[in-house]
C-alpha atoms as a PDB file:
ATOM      1  CA  MET A   1     -83.073  44.789-152.592  1.00  0.00           C
ATOM      2  CA  SER A   2     -84.265  47.203-149.983  1.00  0.00           C
ATOM      3  CA  SER A   3     -85.661  50.663-149.402  1.00  0.00           C
ATOM      4  CA  VAL A   4     -88.293  51.295-152.042  1.00  0.00           C
ATOM      5  CA  ALA A   5     -87.443  54.348-154.111  1.00  0.00           C
ATOM      6  CA  LEU A   6     -90.353  54.458-156.557  1.00  0.00           C
ATOM      7  CA  SER A   7     -93.871  53.176-156.571  1.00  0.00           C
ATOM      8  CA  PHE A   8     -95.892  53.332-159.787  1.00  0.00           C
ATOM      9  CA  ASN A   9     -99.670  53.055-159.255  1.00  0.00           C
ATOM     10  CA  ASN A  10     -99.098  51.433-155.846  1.00  0.00           C
ATOM     11  CA  VAL A  11     -96.728  48.748-157.140  1.00  0.00           C
ATOM     12  CA  ASP A  12     -93.184  48.910-155.782  1.00  0.00           C
ATOM     13  CA  LEU A  13     -91.070  49.054-158.892  1.00  0.00           C
ATOM     14  CA  VAL A  14     -87.673  50.447-157.970  1.00  0.00           C
ATOM     15  CA  SER A  15     -85.512  49.696-154.936  1.00  0.00           C
ATOM     16  CA  ILE A  16     -82.047  50.716-153.848  1.00  0.00           C
ATOM     17  CA  ASP A  17     -79.505  47.910-154.255  1.00  0.00           C
ATOM     18  CA  GLY A  18     -75.879  48.623-153.343  1.00  0.00           C
ATOM     19  CA  GLY A  19     -76.637  52.340-153.343  1.00  0.00           C
ATOM     20  CA  GLU A  20     -78.029  52.208-156.894  1.00  0.00           C
ATOM     21  CA  PRO A  21     -81.653  52.244-158.050  1.00  0.00           C
ATOM     22  CA  ARG A  22     -82.635  48.874-159.527  1.00  0.00           C
ATOM     23  CA  THR A  23     -85.686  46.905-160.529  1.00  0.00           C
ATOM     24  CA  THR A  24     -86.289  43.334-161.603  1.00  0.00           C
ATOM     25  CA  SER A  25     -88.010  41.604-164.482  1.00  0.00           C
ATOM     26  CA  LEU A  26     -90.407  40.174-161.872  1.00  0.00           C
ATOM     27  CA  ALA A  27     -91.450  43.665-160.727  1.00  0.00           C
ATOM     28  CA  VAL A  28     -91.827  44.827-164.334  1.00  0.00           C
ATOM     29  CA  ALA A  29     -94.055  41.836-165.173  1.00  0.00           C
ATOM     30  CA  ASN A  30     -96.164  42.517-162.090  1.00  0.00           C
ATOM     31  CA  LYS A  31     -96.536  46.227-162.760  1.00  0.00           C
ATOM     32  CA  PHE A  32     -97.278  45.978-166.457  1.00  0.00           C
ATOM     33  CA  GLY A  33     -99.584  42.951-166.138  1.00  0.00           C
ATOM     34  CA  ARG A  34     -97.463  40.712-168.340  1.00  0.00           C
ATOM     35  CA  ARG A  35     -96.248  37.140-167.994  1.00  0.00           C
ATOM     36  CA  HIS A  36     -92.749  36.974-166.574  1.00  0.00           C
ATOM     37  CA  GLY A  37     -91.697  34.642-169.379  1.00  0.00           C
ATOM     38  CA  ASP A  38     -92.686  37.337-171.883  1.00  0.00           C
ATOM     39  CA  ILE A  39     -90.543  39.903-170.048  1.00  0.00           C
ATOM     40  CA  LEU A  40     -87.570  37.521-170.056  1.00  0.00           C
ATOM     41  CA  ARG A  41     -88.026  36.989-173.786  1.00  0.00           C
ATOM     42  CA  ALA A  42     -88.300  40.750-174.418  1.00  0.00           C
ATOM     43  CA  ILE A  43     -85.008  41.333-172.578  1.00  0.00           C
ATOM     44  CA  LYS A  44     -83.249  38.544-174.492  1.00  0.00           C
ATOM     45  CA  ASN A  45     -84.542  39.890-177.816  1.00  0.00           C
ATOM     46  CA  MET A  46     -83.766  43.575-177.260  1.00  0.00           C
ATOM     47  CA  ASP A  47     -81.920  45.218-180.103  1.00  0.00           C
ATOM     48  CA  CYS A  48     -79.238  46.872-177.955  1.00  0.00           C
ATOM     49  CA  SER A  49     -75.482  46.440-177.966  1.00  0.00           C
ATOM     50  CA  LYS A  50     -73.862  43.656-175.966  1.00  0.00           C
ATOM     51  CA  GLU A  51     -72.055  46.305-173.911  1.00  0.00           C
ATOM     52  CA  PHE A  52     -75.334  48.027-172.993  1.00  0.00           C
ATOM     53  CA  ALA A  53     -76.937  44.716-172.066  1.00  0.00           C
ATOM     54  CA  LYS A  54     -73.951  43.720-169.922  1.00  0.00           C
ATOM     55  CA  ARG A  55     -73.975  47.056-168.049  1.00  0.00           C
ATOM     56  CA  ASN A  56     -77.715  47.166-167.471  1.00  0.00           C
ATOM     57  CA  PHE A  57     -79.067  43.611-167.134  1.00  0.00           C
ATOM     58  CA  ALA A  58     -77.799  40.979-164.686  1.00  0.00           C
ATOM     59  CA  LEU A  59     -79.245  37.474-164.932  1.00  0.00           C
ATOM     60  CA  CYS A  60     -80.088  36.214-161.440  1.00  0.00           C
ATOM     61  CA  PHE A  61     -81.904  33.258-159.939  1.00  0.00           C
ATOM     62  CA  LYS A  62     -84.212  32.783-156.985  1.00  0.00           C
ATOM     63  CA  ILE A  63     -85.585  29.618-155.455  1.00  0.00           C
ATOM     64  CA  ASN A  64     -89.193  29.038-156.452  1.00  0.00           C
ATOM     65  CA  ASP A  65     -90.927  27.397-153.495  1.00  0.00           C
ATOM     66  CA  LEU A  66     -93.975  26.628-155.641  1.00  0.00           C
ATOM     67  CA  GLN A  67     -91.878  24.448-157.960  1.00  0.00           C
ATOM     68  CA  ASN A  68     -90.048  22.268-155.408  1.00  0.00           C
ATOM     69  CA  GLY A  69     -87.110  24.629-155.011  1.00  0.00           C
ATOM     70  CA  LYS A  70     -86.443  24.993-158.742  1.00  0.00           C
ATOM     71  CA  LYS A  71     -84.282  27.988-159.669  1.00  0.00           C
ATOM     72  CA  GLN A  72     -86.298  30.744-161.334  1.00  0.00           C
ATOM     73  CA  PRO A  73     -84.385  33.118-163.621  1.00  0.00           C
ATOM     74  CA  PHE A  74     -84.987  36.856-163.463  1.00  0.00           C
ATOM     75  CA  TYR A  75     -83.098  39.981-164.433  1.00  0.00           C
ATOM     76  CA  ASN A  76     -81.892  42.684-162.086  1.00  0.00           C
ATOM     77  CA  MET A  77     -81.723  45.883-164.125  1.00  0.00           C
ATOM     78  CA  THR A  78     -80.557  49.459-163.912  1.00  0.00           C
ATOM     79  CA  LYS A  79     -82.681  52.505-164.630  1.00  0.00           C
ATOM     80  CA  ASP A  80     -81.278  52.684-168.158  1.00  0.00           C
ATOM     81  CA  GLY A  81     -82.075  49.030-168.797  1.00  0.00           C
ATOM     82  CA  PHE A  82     -85.569  49.442-167.404  1.00  0.00           C
ATOM     83  CA  VAL A  83     -86.285  52.506-169.551  1.00  0.00           C
ATOM     84  CA  PHE A  84     -84.909  50.814-172.687  1.00  0.00           C
ATOM     85  CA  LEU A  85     -87.138  47.807-172.035  1.00  0.00           C
ATOM     86  CA  VAL A  86     -90.425  49.503-171.151  1.00  0.00           C
ATOM     87  CA  MET A  87     -90.250  52.256-173.754  1.00  0.00           C
ATOM     88  CA  GLY A  88     -90.899  49.462-176.247  1.00  0.00           C
ATOM     89  CA  PHE A  89     -94.061  48.345-174.434  1.00  0.00           C
ATOM     90  CA  THR A  90     -97.514  49.246-175.703  1.00  0.00           C
ATOM     91  CA  GLY A  91    -100.895  49.401-174.040  1.00  0.00           C
ATOM     92  CA  LYS A  92    -102.627  51.564-171.460  1.00  0.00           C
ATOM     93  CA  VAL A  93    -100.277  50.894-168.534  1.00  0.00           C
ATOM     94  CA  ALA A  94     -97.228  51.492-170.728  1.00  0.00           C
ATOM     95  CA  ALA A  95     -98.708  54.755-172.016  1.00  0.00           C
ATOM     96  CA  GLU A  96     -99.387  55.897-168.431  1.00  0.00           C
ATOM     97  CA  PHE A  97     -95.814  55.106-167.464  1.00  0.00           C
ATOM     98  CA  LYS A  98     -94.383  56.959-170.479  1.00  0.00           C
ATOM     99  CA  GLU A  99     -96.419  60.059-169.650  1.00  0.00           C
ATOM    100  CA  LEU A 100     -95.347  59.951-165.996  1.00  0.00           C
ATOM    101  CA  TYR A 101     -91.718  59.511-167.027  1.00  0.00           C
ATOM    102  CA  ILE A 102     -91.848  62.425-169.483  1.00  0.00           C
ATOM    103  CA  ASN A 103     -93.644  64.681-166.981  1.00  0.00           C
ATOM    104  CA  GLU A 104     -91.107  63.874-164.263  1.00  0.00           C
ATOM    105  CA  PHE A 105     -88.199  64.457-166.658  1.00  0.00           C
ATOM    106  CA  ASN A 106     -89.654  67.859-167.587  1.00  0.00           C
ATOM    107  CA  ARG A 107     -90.327  68.739-163.936  1.00  0.00           C
ATOM    108  CA  MET A 108     -86.718  67.951-163.038  1.00  0.00           C
ATOM    109  CA  ALA A 109     -85.426  69.940-166.037  1.00  0.00           C
ATOM    110  CA  ASP A 110     -87.417  72.991-164.885  1.00  0.00           C
ATOM    111  CA  LYS A 111     -85.645  73.007-161.497  1.00  0.00           C
END
């Protein structure tokens, strides 16, 4: 991933990957102050269609240097996948994100 496209409260959340905006489950966990394992579980347990999940969530792996080179799973996700996931989150950070998202949507619609 390269070229940060969106930063939410000073945390890089979205990057451009292959010309498309993407984020990862790792970035989502970091931004929303949640354990990565909980984010992985939330993605696996989402109540969306298999087609939606296939289009919007790609299971990937990275080498975890802190665990002797063990492969660490994470998801690379599209904007639609990200929005589907985080709109189900609760708490202060999630509420802030939802407001920002709605305000930006309305700002763009007014153009």
